PDB file of N, CA and C in Angstrom:
ATOM      1  N   MET A   1     -27.711  21.697 106.062  1.00  0.00           N
ATOM      2  CA  MET A   1     -28.979  22.234 106.475  1.00  0.00           C
ATOM      3  C   MET A   1     -29.042  23.711 106.092  1.00  0.00           C
ATOM      4  N   ILE A   2     -30.166  24.114 105.543  1.00  0.00           N
ATOM      5  CA  ILE A   2     -30.382  25.488 105.099  1.00  0.00           C
ATOM      6  C   ILE A   2     -31.487  26.100 105.958  1.00  0.00           C
ATOM      7  N   ARG A   3     -31.237  27.289 106.483  1.00  0.00           N
ATOM      8  CA  ARG A   3     -32.233  28.006 107.284  1.00  0.00           C
ATOM      9  C   ARG A   3     -32.980  28.983 106.392  1.00  0.00           C
ATOM     10  N   LYS A   4     -34.296  29.066 106.562  1.00  0.00           N
ATOM     11  CA  LYS A   4     -35.119  30.016 105.825  1.00  0.00           C
ATOM     12  C   LYS A   4     -36.047  30.704 106.811  1.00  0.00           C
ATOM     13  N   ALA A   5     -36.303  31.983 106.569  1.00  0.00           N
ATOM     14  CA  ALA A   5     -37.234  32.725 107.412  1.00  0.00           C
ATOM     15  C   ALA A   5     -38.050  33.655 106.521  1.00  0.00           C
ATOM     16  N   PHE A   6     -39.276  33.922 106.952  1.00  0.00           N
ATOM     17  CA  PHE A   6     -40.174  34.762 106.163  1.00  0.00           C
ATOM     18  C   PHE A   6     -41.241  35.339 107.077  1.00  0.00           C
ATOM     19  N   VAL A   7     -41.923  36.367 106.592  1.00  0.00           N
ATOM     20  CA  VAL A   7     -43.052  36.946 107.322  1.00  0.00           C
ATOM     21  C   VAL A   7     -44.294  36.897 106.441  1.00  0.00           C
ATOM     22  N   MET A   8     -45.438  36.726 107.101  1.00  0.00           N
ATOM     23  CA  MET A   8     -46.746  36.717 106.461  1.00  0.00           C
ATOM     24  C   MET A   8     -47.689  37.496 107.371  1.00  0.00           C
ATOM     25  N   THR A   9     -48.944  37.629 106.959  1.00  0.00           N
ATOM     26  CA  THR A   9     -49.921  38.357 107.755  1.00  0.00           C
ATOM     27  C   THR A   9     -51.193  37.537 107.903  1.00  0.00           C
ATOM     28  N   VAL A  10     -51.678  37.445 109.134  1.00  0.00           N
ATOM     29  CA  VAL A  10     -52.944  36.782 109.431  1.00  0.00           C
ATOM     30  C   VAL A  10     -53.973  37.864 109.755  1.00  0.00           C
ATOM     31  N   ASN A  11     -55.230  37.627 109.427  1.00  0.00           N
ATOM     32  CA  ASN A  11     -56.289  38.592 109.733  1.00  0.00           C
ATOM     33  C   ASN A  11     -56.392  38.791 111.242  1.00  0.00           C
ATOM     34  N   PRO A  12     -56.635  40.022 111.692  1.00  0.00           N
ATOM     35  CA  PRO A  12     -56.674  40.313 113.132  1.00  0.00           C
ATOM     36  C   PRO A  12     -57.629  39.428 113.929  1.00  0.00           C
ATOM     37  N   LYS A  13     -58.779  39.119 113.379  1.00  0.00           N
ATOM     38  CA  LYS A  13     -59.776  38.328 114.113  1.00  0.00           C
ATOM     39  C   LYS A  13     -59.524  36.820 114.026  1.00  0.00           C
ATOM     40  N   ASP A  14     -58.491  36.413 113.290  1.00  0.00           N
ATOM     41  CA  ASP A  14     -58.297  34.991 113.008  1.00  0.00           C
ATOM     42  C   ASP A  14     -57.060  34.369 113.647  1.00  0.00           C
ATOM     43  N   HIS A  15     -56.491  35.000 114.647  1.00  0.00           N
ATOM     44  CA  HIS A  15     -55.293  34.449 115.298  1.00  0.00           C
ATOM     45  C   HIS A  15     -55.552  33.046 115.843  1.00  0.00           C
ATOM     46  N   ALA A  16     -56.635  32.895 116.594  1.00  0.00           N
ATOM     47  CA  ALA A  16     -56.937  31.592 117.208  1.00  0.00           C
ATOM     48  C   ALA A  16     -57.240  30.542 116.141  1.00  0.00           C
ATOM     49  N   GLU A  17     -57.931  30.934 115.097  1.00  0.00           N
ATOM     50  CA  GLU A  17     -58.255  29.980 114.021  1.00  0.00           C
ATOM     51  C   GLU A  17     -56.997  29.549 113.284  1.00  0.00           C
ATOM     52  N   TYR A  18     -56.087  30.477 113.052  1.00  0.00           N
ATOM     53  CA  TYR A  18     -54.830  30.141 112.404  1.00  0.00           C
ATOM     54  C   TYR A  18     -54.081  29.088 113.225  1.00  0.00           C
ATOM     55  N   GLN A  19     -54.005  29.315 114.512  1.00  0.00           N
ATOM     56  CA  GLN A  19     -53.319  28.360 115.386  1.00  0.00           C
ATOM     57  C   GLN A  19     -54.048  27.021 115.401  1.00  0.00           C
ATOM     58  N   ARG A  20     -55.378  27.042 115.494  1.00  0.00           N
ATOM     59  CA  ARG A  20     -56.157  25.802 115.519  1.00  0.00           C
ATOM     60  C   ARG A  20     -55.903  24.966 114.268  1.00  0.00           C
ATOM     61  N   ARG A  21     -55.915  25.606 113.117  1.00  0.00           N
ATOM     62  CA  ARG A  21     -55.691  24.870 111.863  1.00  0.00           C
ATOM     63  C   ARG A  21     -54.301  24.251 111.811  1.00  0.00           C
ATOM     64  N   HIS A  22     -53.316  24.944 112.334  1.00  0.00           N
ATOM     65  CA  HIS A  22     -51.964  24.385 112.323  1.00  0.00           C
ATOM     66  C   HIS A  22     -51.787  23.278 113.367  1.00  0.00           C
ATOM     67  N   GLU A  23     -52.476  23.393 114.477  1.00  0.00           N
ATOM     68  CA  GLU A  23     -52.415  22.318 115.471  1.00  0.00           C
ATOM     69  C   GLU A  23     -53.031  21.030 114.927  1.00  0.00           C
ATOM     70  N   ALA A  24     -53.943  21.166 113.966  1.00  0.00           N
ATOM     71  CA  ALA A  24     -54.591  20.009 113.337  1.00  0.00           C
ATOM     72  C   ALA A  24     -54.056  19.794 111.917  1.00  0.00           C
ATOM     73  N   LEU A  25     -52.784  20.107 111.716  1.00  0.00           N
ATOM     74  CA  LEU A  25     -52.180  19.982 110.386  1.00  0.00           C
ATOM     75  C   LEU A  25     -52.414  18.584 109.829  1.00  0.00           C
ATOM     76  N   TRP A  26     -52.872  18.539 108.603  1.00  0.00           N
ATOM     77  CA  TRP A  26     -53.196  17.267 107.962  1.00  0.00           C
ATOM     78  C   TRP A  26     -51.974  16.350 107.891  1.00  0.00           C
ATOM     79  N   PRO A  27     -52.158  15.079 108.183  1.00  0.00           N
ATOM     80  CA  PRO A  27     -51.038  14.129 108.101  1.00  0.00           C
ATOM     81  C   PRO A  27     -50.378  14.117 106.717  1.00  0.00           C
ATOM     82  N   GLU A  28     -51.177  14.231 105.668  1.00  0.00           N
ATOM     83  CA  GLU A  28     -50.598  14.212 104.314  1.00  0.00           C
ATOM     84  C   GLU A  28     -49.762  15.471 104.042  1.00  0.00           C
ATOM     85  N   MET A  29     -50.086  16.567 104.705  1.00  0.00           N
ATOM     86  CA  MET A  29     -49.272  17.782 104.572  1.00  0.00           C
ATOM     87  C   MET A  29     -47.940  17.578 105.293  1.00  0.00           C
ATOM     88  N   LYS A  30     -47.993  16.990 106.482  1.00  0.00           N
ATOM     89  CA  LYS A  30     -46.751  16.698 107.208  1.00  0.00           C
ATOM     90  C   LYS A  30     -45.842  15.792 106.382  1.00  0.00           C
ATOM     91  N   THR A  31     -46.420  14.778 105.777  1.00  0.00           N
ATOM     92  CA  THR A  31     -45.649  13.845 104.955  1.00  0.00           C
ATOM     93  C   THR A  31     -45.013  14.552 103.776  1.00  0.00           C
ATOM     94  N   GLU A  32     -45.782  15.401 103.109  1.00  0.00           N
ATOM     95  CA  GLU A  32     -45.260  16.110 101.938  1.00  0.00           C
ATOM     96  C   GLU A  32     -44.143  17.072 102.331  1.00  0.00           C
ATOM     97  N   LEU A  33     -44.295  17.758 103.460  1.00  0.00           N
ATOM     98  CA  LEU A  33     -43.226  18.640 103.934  1.00  0.00           C
ATOM     99  C   LEU A  33     -41.946  17.847 104.178  1.00  0.00           C
ATOM    100  N   LYS A  34     -42.079  16.724 104.850  1.00  0.00           N
ATOM    101  CA  LYS A  34     -40.907  15.878 105.108  1.00  0.00           C
ATOM    102  C   LYS A  34     -40.298  15.381 103.794  1.00  0.00           C
ATOM    103  N   ASN A  35     -41.156  14.974 102.861  1.00  0.00           N
ATOM    104  CA  ASN A  35     -40.675  14.493 101.563  1.00  0.00           C
ATOM    105  C   ASN A  35     -39.978  15.576 100.750  1.00  0.00           C
ATOM    106  N   HIS A  36     -40.234  16.833 101.084  1.00  0.00           N
ATOM    107  CA  HIS A  36     -39.596  17.944 100.384  1.00  0.00           C
ATOM    108  C   HIS A  36     -38.453  18.554 101.204  1.00  0.00           C
ATOM    109  N   GLY A  37     -37.924  17.764 102.125  1.00  0.00           N
ATOM    110  CA  GLY A  37     -36.686  18.115 102.805  1.00  0.00           C
ATOM    111  C   GLY A  37     -36.805  19.015 104.014  1.00  0.00           C
ATOM    112  N   VAL A  38     -38.014  19.161 104.559  1.00  0.00           N
ATOM    113  CA  VAL A  38     -38.158  19.993 105.756  1.00  0.00           C
ATOM    114  C   VAL A  38     -37.698  19.203 106.979  1.00  0.00           C
ATOM    115  N   LEU A  39     -36.778  19.786 107.729  1.00  0.00           N
ATOM    116  CA  LEU A  39     -36.265  19.169 108.942  1.00  0.00           C
ATOM    117  C   LEU A  39     -36.953  19.731 110.179  1.00  0.00           C
ATOM    118  N   SER A  40     -37.325  21.001 110.107  1.00  0.00           N
ATOM    119  CA  SER A  40     -37.962  21.694 111.216  1.00  0.00           C
ATOM    120  C   SER A  40     -38.744  22.870 110.645  1.00  0.00           C
ATOM    121  N   TYR A  41     -39.914  23.148 111.229  1.00  0.00           N
ATOM    122  CA  TYR A  41     -40.749  24.250 110.731  1.00  0.00           C
ATOM    123  C   TYR A  41     -41.473  24.856 111.922  1.00  0.00           C
ATOM    124  N   SER A  42     -41.308  26.152 112.131  1.00  0.00           N
ATOM    125  CA  SER A  42     -41.977  26.868 113.219  1.00  0.00           C
ATOM    126  C   SER A  42     -42.579  28.153 112.682  1.00  0.00           C
ATOM    127  N   ILE A  43     -43.711  28.543 113.262  1.00  0.00           N
ATOM    128  CA  ILE A  43     -44.344  29.819 112.932  1.00  0.00           C
ATOM    129  C   ILE A  43     -44.675  30.512 114.243  1.00  0.00           C
ATOM    130  N   PHE A  44     -44.351  31.795 114.321  1.00  0.00           N
ATOM    131  CA  PHE A  44     -44.591  32.603 115.509  1.00  0.00           C
ATOM    132  C   PHE A  44     -45.513  33.758 115.139  1.00  0.00           C
ATOM    133  N   LEU A  45     -46.351  34.177 116.086  1.00  0.00           N
ATOM    134  CA  LEU A  45     -47.293  35.279 115.870  1.00  0.00           C
ATOM    135  C   LEU A  45     -46.899  36.495 116.699  1.00  0.00           C
ATOM    136  N   GLN A  46     -46.877  37.653 116.056  1.00  0.00           N
ATOM    137  CA  GLN A  46     -46.716  38.927 116.747  1.00  0.00           C
ATOM    138  C   GLN A  46     -48.116  39.559 116.733  1.00  0.00           C
ATOM    139  N   LYS A  47     -48.866  39.388 117.829  1.00  0.00           N
ATOM    140  CA  LYS A  47     -50.289  39.740 117.887  1.00  0.00           C
ATOM    141  C   LYS A  47     -50.580  41.183 117.520  1.00  0.00           C
ATOM    142  N   GLU A  48     -49.768  42.105 117.998  1.00  0.00           N
ATOM    143  CA  GLU A  48     -50.055  43.529 117.798  1.00  0.00           C
ATOM    144  C   GLU A  48     -50.022  43.948 116.331  1.00  0.00           C
ATOM    145  N   THR A  49     -49.237  43.261 115.517  1.00  0.00           N
ATOM    146  CA  THR A  49     -49.116  43.622 114.103  1.00  0.00           C
ATOM    147  C   THR A  49     -49.733  42.589 113.165  1.00  0.00           C
ATOM    148  N   ASN A  50     -50.223  41.480 113.731  1.00  0.00           N
ATOM    149  CA  ASN A  50     -50.790  40.375 112.945  1.00  0.00           C
ATOM    150  C   ASN A  50     -49.747  39.696 112.056  1.00  0.00           C
ATOM    151  N   GLN A  51     -48.491  39.915 112.382  1.00  0.00           N
ATOM    152  CA  GLN A  51     -47.411  39.339 111.591  1.00  0.00           C
ATOM    153  C   GLN A  51     -47.084  37.930 112.062  1.00  0.00           C
ATOM    154  N   LEU A  52     -46.868  37.068 111.093  1.00  0.00           N
ATOM    155  CA  LEU A  52     -46.412  35.705 111.337  1.00  0.00           C
ATOM    156  C   LEU A  52     -44.953  35.630 110.902  1.00  0.00           C
ATOM    157  N   PHE A  53     -44.130  35.070 111.755  1.00  0.00           N
ATOM    158  CA  PHE A  53     -42.725  34.850 111.433  1.00  0.00           C
ATOM    159  C   PHE A  53     -42.536  33.359 111.263  1.00  0.00           C
ATOM    160  N   GLY A  54     -42.164  32.938 110.079  1.00  0.00           N
ATOM    161  CA  GLY A  54     -41.931  31.524 109.807  1.00  0.00           C
ATOM    162  C   GLY A  54     -40.448  31.227 109.744  1.00  0.00           C
ATOM    163  N   TYR A  55     -40.076  30.105 110.312  1.00  0.00           N
ATOM    164  CA  TYR A  55     -38.683  29.670 110.299  1.00  0.00           C
ATOM    165  C   TYR A  55     -38.662  28.182 109.975  1.00  0.00           C
ATOM    166  N   LEU A  56     -37.878  27.814 108.985  1.00  0.00           N
ATOM    167  CA  LEU A  56     -37.733  26.392 108.697  1.00  0.00           C
ATOM    168  C   LEU A  56     -36.298  26.055 108.350  1.00  0.00           C
ATOM    169  N   GLU A  57     -35.992  24.799 108.563  1.00  0.00           N
ATOM    170  CA  GLU A  57     -34.708  24.243 108.197  1.00  0.00           C
ATOM    171  C   GLU A  57     -34.987  23.181 107.148  1.00  0.00           C
ATOM    172  N   ILE A  58     -34.271  23.289 106.031  1.00  0.00           N
ATOM    173  CA  ILE A  58     -34.497  22.371 104.911  1.00  0.00           C
ATOM    174  C   ILE A  58     -33.180  21.728 104.491  1.00  0.00           C
ATOM    175  N   GLU A  59     -33.313  20.663 103.728  1.00  0.00           N
ATOM    176  CA  GLU A  59     -32.135  19.954 103.227  1.00  0.00           C
ATOM    177  C   GLU A  59     -31.627  20.532 101.912  1.00  0.00           C
ATOM    178  N   ASP A  60     -32.561  21.011 101.049  1.00  0.00           N
ATOM    179  CA  ASP A  60     -32.197  21.356  99.688  1.00  0.00           C
ATOM    180  C   ASP A  60     -33.157  22.409  99.134  1.00  0.00           C
ATOM    181  N   GLU A  61     -32.632  23.494  98.575  1.00  0.00           N
ATOM    182  CA  GLU A  61     -33.463  24.578  98.028  1.00  0.00           C
ATOM    183  C   GLU A  61     -34.333  24.109  96.858  1.00  0.00           C
ATOM    184  N   GLU A  62     -33.756  23.337  95.937  1.00  0.00           N
ATOM    185  CA  GLU A  62     -34.516  22.878  94.768  1.00  0.00           C
ATOM    186  C   GLU A  62     -35.669  21.972  95.172  1.00  0.00           C
ATOM    187  N   LEU A  63     -35.421  21.067  96.091  1.00  0.00           N
ATOM    188  CA  LEU A  63     -36.468  20.171  96.569  1.00  0.00           C
ATOM    189  C   LEU A  63     -37.566  20.970  97.264  1.00  0.00           C
ATOM    190  N   TRP A  64     -37.179  21.926  98.106  1.00  0.00           N
ATOM    191  CA  TRP A  64     -38.152  22.760  98.808  1.00  0.00           C
ATOM    192  C   TRP A  64     -39.000  23.566  97.821  1.00  0.00           C
ATOM    193  N   ALA A  65     -38.388  24.105  96.780  1.00  0.00           N
ATOM    194  CA  ALA A  65     -39.112  24.916  95.793  1.00  0.00           C
ATOM    195  C   ALA A  65     -40.232  24.124  95.116  1.00  0.00           C
ATOM    196  N   LYS A  66     -40.058  22.826  95.001  1.00  0.00           N
ATOM    197  CA  LYS A  66     -41.076  21.976  94.364  1.00  0.00           C
ATOM    198  C   LYS A  66     -42.313  21.790  95.238  1.00  0.00           C
ATOM    199  N   MET A  67     -42.208  22.090  96.523  1.00  0.00           N
ATOM    200  CA  MET A  67     -43.337  21.933  97.446  1.00  0.00           C
ATOM    201  C   MET A  67     -44.527  22.783  97.028  1.00  0.00           C
ATOM    202  N   ALA A  68     -44.272  23.975  96.527  1.00  0.00           N
ATOM    203  CA  ALA A  68     -45.354  24.900  96.164  1.00  0.00           C
ATOM    204  C   ALA A  68     -46.292  24.316  95.111  1.00  0.00           C
ATOM    205  N   ASP A  69     -45.792  23.443  94.276  1.00  0.00           N
ATOM    206  CA  ASP A  69     -46.610  22.895  93.190  1.00  0.00           C
ATOM    207  C   ASP A  69     -47.277  21.569  93.516  1.00  0.00           C
ATOM    208  N   THR A  70     -47.193  21.127  94.756  1.00  0.00           N
ATOM    209  CA  THR A  70     -47.843  19.871  95.108  1.00  0.00           C
ATOM    210  C   THR A  70     -49.346  20.075  95.304  1.00  0.00           C
ATOM    211  N   LYS A  71     -50.092  19.037  95.050  1.00  0.00           N
ATOM    212  CA  LYS A  71     -51.550  19.084  95.191  1.00  0.00           C
ATOM    213  C   LYS A  71     -51.959  19.428  96.624  1.00  0.00           C
ATOM    214  N   ILE A  72     -51.308  18.815  97.609  1.00  0.00           N
ATOM    215  CA  ILE A  72     -51.676  19.045  99.004  1.00  0.00           C
ATOM    216  C   ILE A  72     -51.337  20.469  99.433  1.00  0.00           C
ATOM    217  N   ASN A  73     -50.247  21.018  98.931  1.00  0.00           N
ATOM    218  CA  ASN A  73     -49.892  22.401  99.268  1.00  0.00           C
ATOM    219  C   ASN A  73     -50.920  23.374  98.698  1.00  0.00           C
ATOM    220  N   ARG A  74     -51.347  23.142  97.459  1.00  0.00           N
ATOM    221  CA  ARG A  74     -52.377  24.001  96.841  1.00  0.00           C
ATOM    222  C   ARG A  74     -53.687  23.909  97.627  1.00  0.00           C
ATOM    223  N   LYS A  75     -54.008  22.708  98.073  1.00  0.00           N
ATOM    224  CA  LYS A  75     -55.214  22.514  98.888  1.00  0.00           C
ATOM    225  C   LYS A  75     -55.094  23.282 100.209  1.00  0.00           C
ATOM    226  N   TRP A  76     -53.909  23.248 100.822  1.00  0.00           N
ATOM    227  CA  TRP A  76     -53.676  23.975 102.070  1.00  0.00           C
ATOM    228  C   TRP A  76     -53.824  25.479 101.843  1.00  0.00           C
ATOM    229  N   TRP A  77     -53.255  25.999 100.757  1.00  0.00           N
ATOM    230  CA  TRP A  77     -53.392  27.424 100.461  1.00  0.00           C
ATOM    231  C   TRP A  77     -54.865  27.809 100.335  1.00  0.00           C
ATOM    232  N   ASP A  78     -55.647  26.985  99.643  1.00  0.00           N
ATOM    233  CA  ASP A  78     -57.082  27.261  99.493  1.00  0.00           C
ATOM    234  C   ASP A  78     -57.771  27.275 100.859  1.00  0.00           C
ATOM    235  N   TYR A  79     -57.375  26.351 101.718  1.00  0.00           N
ATOM    236  CA  TYR A  79     -57.949  26.227 103.061  1.00  0.00           C
ATOM    237  C   TYR A  79     -57.624  27.438 103.930  1.00  0.00           C
ATOM    238  N   MET A  80     -56.437  28.001 103.771  1.00  0.00           N
ATOM    239  CA  MET A  80     -55.985  29.107 104.611  1.00  0.00           C
ATOM    240  C   MET A  80     -56.331  30.483 104.047  1.00  0.00           C
ATOM    241  N   GLU A  81     -56.763  30.552 102.824  1.00  0.00           N
ATOM    242  CA  GLU A  81     -56.983  31.820 102.121  1.00  0.00           C
ATOM    243  C   GLU A  81     -57.931  32.769 102.846  1.00  0.00           C
ATOM    244  N   ASP A  82     -58.922  32.243 103.532  1.00  0.00           N
ATOM    245  CA  ASP A  82     -59.927  33.104 104.168  1.00  0.00           C
ATOM    246  C   ASP A  82     -59.443  33.777 105.451  1.00  0.00           C
ATOM    247  N   ILE A  83     -58.284  33.383 105.956  1.00  0.00           N
ATOM    248  CA  ILE A  83     -57.823  33.970 107.230  1.00  0.00           C
ATOM    249  C   ILE A  83     -56.472  34.670 107.132  1.00  0.00           C
ATOM    250  N   MET A  84     -55.944  34.781 105.901  1.00  0.00           N
ATOM    251  CA  MET A  84     -54.616  35.382 105.707  1.00  0.00           C
ATOM    252  C   MET A  84     -54.615  36.348 104.539  1.00  0.00           C
ATOM    253  N   GLU A  85     -53.585  37.165 104.490  1.00  0.00           N
ATOM    254  CA  GLU A  85     -53.332  37.970 103.310  1.00  0.00           C
ATOM    255  C   GLU A  85     -52.746  37.031 102.250  1.00  0.00           C
ATOM    256  N   THR A  86     -53.404  36.971 101.079  1.00  0.00           N
ATOM    257  CA  THR A  86     -52.978  36.011 100.058  1.00  0.00           C
ATOM    258  C   THR A  86     -52.855  36.662  98.682  1.00  0.00           C
ATOM    259  N   ASN A  87     -52.149  35.968  97.820  1.00  0.00           N
ATOM    260  CA  ASN A  87     -52.017  36.325  96.412  1.00  0.00           C
ATOM    261  C   ASN A  87     -53.213  35.776  95.638  1.00  0.00           C
ATOM    262  N   PRO A  88     -53.378  36.164  94.366  1.00  0.00           N
ATOM    263  CA  PRO A  88     -54.500  35.658  93.574  1.00  0.00           C
ATOM    264  C   PRO A  88     -54.579  34.127  93.480  1.00  0.00           C
ATOM    265  N   ASP A  89     -53.438  33.431  93.558  1.00  0.00           N
ATOM    266  CA  ASP A  89     -53.450  31.961  93.509  1.00  0.00           C
ATOM    267  C   ASP A  89     -53.674  31.331  94.886  1.00  0.00           C
ATOM    268  N   HIS A  90     -54.004  32.160  95.887  1.00  0.00           N
ATOM    269  CA  HIS A  90     -54.262  31.773  97.277  1.00  0.00           C
ATOM    270  C   HIS A  90     -53.000  31.472  98.067  1.00  0.00           C
ATOM    271  N   SER A  91     -51.831  31.595  97.469  1.00  0.00           N
ATOM    272  CA  SER A  91     -50.596  31.443  98.237  1.00  0.00           C
ATOM    273  C   SER A  91     -50.504  32.626  99.200  1.00  0.00           C
ATOM    274  N   PRO A  92     -49.916  32.412 100.376  1.00  0.00           N
ATOM    275  CA  PRO A  92     -49.802  33.532 101.307  1.00  0.00           C
ATOM    276  C   PRO A  92     -48.842  34.595 100.779  1.00  0.00           C
ATOM    277  N   VAL A  93     -49.189  35.844 101.013  1.00  0.00           N
ATOM    278  CA  VAL A  93     -48.239  36.913 100.736  1.00  0.00           C
ATOM    279  C   VAL A  93     -47.111  36.716 101.737  1.00  0.00           C
ATOM    280  N   SER A  94     -45.927  36.508 101.229  1.00  0.00           N
ATOM    281  CA  SER A  94     -44.794  36.135 102.071  1.00  0.00           C
ATOM    282  C   SER A  94     -43.562  36.905 101.627  1.00  0.00           C
ATOM    283  N   VAL A  95     -42.823  37.407 102.595  1.00  0.00           N
ATOM    284  CA  VAL A  95     -41.586  38.130 102.313  1.00  0.00           C
ATOM    285  C   VAL A  95     -40.439  37.353 102.955  1.00  0.00           C
ATOM    286  N   ASP A  96     -39.503  36.909 102.125  1.00  0.00           N
ATOM    287  CA  ASP A  96     -38.334  36.202 102.644  1.00  0.00           C
ATOM    288  C   ASP A  96     -37.442  37.165 103.411  1.00  0.00           C
ATOM    289  N   LEU A  97     -36.847  36.661 104.474  1.00  0.00           N
ATOM    290  CA  LEU A  97     -35.924  37.436 105.279  1.00  0.00           C
ATOM    291  C   LEU A  97     -34.499  36.950 105.048  1.00  0.00           C
ATOM    292  N   LYS A  98     -33.564  37.869 105.059  1.00  0.00           N
ATOM    293  CA  LYS A  98     -32.151  37.537 104.879  1.00  0.00           C
ATOM    294  C   LYS A  98     -31.540  37.190 106.233  1.00  0.00           C
ATOM    295  N   ASN A  99     -30.850  36.080 106.295  1.00  0.00           N
ATOM    296  CA  ASN A  99     -30.141  35.682 107.510  1.00  0.00           C
ATOM    297  C   ASN A  99     -28.901  36.566 107.636  1.00  0.00           C
ATOM    298  N   VAL A 100     -28.852  37.350 108.706  1.00  0.00           N
ATOM    299  CA  VAL A 100     -27.704  38.236 108.910  1.00  0.00           C
ATOM    300  C   VAL A 100     -26.832  37.803 110.079  1.00  0.00           C
ATOM    301  N   PHE A 101     -27.297  36.834 110.875  1.00  0.00           N
ATOM    302  CA  PHE A 101     -26.487  36.344 111.990  1.00  0.00           C
ATOM    303  C   PHE A 101     -27.011  34.992 112.437  1.00  0.00           C
ATOM    304  N   THR A 102     -26.094  34.083 112.711  1.00  0.00           N
ATOM    305  CA  THR A 102     -26.425  32.776 113.284  1.00  0.00           C
ATOM    306  C   THR A 102     -25.334  32.408 114.278  1.00  0.00           C
ATOM    307  N   LEU A 103     -25.733  31.946 115.428  1.00  0.00           N
ATOM    308  CA  LEU A 103     -24.812  31.403 116.425  1.00  0.00           C
ATOM    309  C   LEU A 103     -25.338  30.024 116.762  1.00  0.00           C
ATOM    310  N   ASP A 104     -24.594  29.005 116.404  1.00  0.00           N
ATOM    311  CA  ASP A 104     -25.055  27.628 116.552  1.00  0.00           C
ATOM    312  C   ASP A 104     -24.051  26.837 117.366  1.00  0.00           C
ATOM    313  N   PHE A 105     -24.481  26.353 118.530  1.00  0.00           N
ATOM    314  CA  PHE A 105     -23.607  25.587 119.405  1.00  0.00           C
ATOM    315  C   PHE A 105     -23.820  24.073 119.275  1.00  0.00           C
ATOM    316  N   LYS A 106     -24.672  23.631 118.383  1.00  0.00           N
ATOM    317  CA  LYS A 106     -24.985  22.196 118.280  1.00  0.00           C
ATOM    318  C   LYS A 106     -23.743  21.346 118.042  1.00  0.00           C
ATOM    319  N   ASP A 107     -22.840  21.819 117.192  1.00  0.00           N
ATOM    320  CA  ASP A 107     -21.659  21.026 116.846  1.00  0.00           C
ATOM    321  C   ASP A 107     -20.374  21.580 117.482  1.00  0.00           C
ATOM    322  N   SER A 108     -20.548  22.433 118.462  1.00  0.00           N
ATOM    323  CA  SER A 108     -19.403  23.091 119.080  1.00  0.00           C
ATOM    324  C   SER A 108     -18.892  22.304 120.281  1.00  0.00           C
ATOM    325  N   LEU A 109     -17.631  22.437 120.559  1.00  0.00           N
ATOM    326  CA  LEU A 109     -17.036  21.821 121.731  1.00  0.00           C
ATOM    327  C   LEU A 109     -17.099  22.744 122.940  1.00  0.00           C
ATOM    328  N   LEU A 110     -17.595  23.940 122.765  1.00  0.00           N
ATOM    329  CA  LEU A 110     -17.685  24.912 123.878  1.00  0.00           C
ATOM    330  C   LEU A 110     -18.695  24.474 124.893  1.00  0.00           C
TER     331      LEU A 110
END
């Protein structure tokens, strides 16, 4: 399992809309994420700075990288473009974070 984390920015007036859209995540998007090795995916909002912190666990980096080029992912980017900071291709402006510490007790005998 590979952990990934990143930050993005949502428009100040669109916090509730961002959450609403994710609560109604399209079934085909969920399927595609699973098909691209996503085991877990969470996004957190820091309201004061409009920053989104994304955290996901994936099976494989190469498989995950292919997600960006799927039709449903491109459609999702187009759908979210009006409420986020985005690149010219409508992908979210995203900065990957380096994992500097992990403490995992899932497989521990402690």
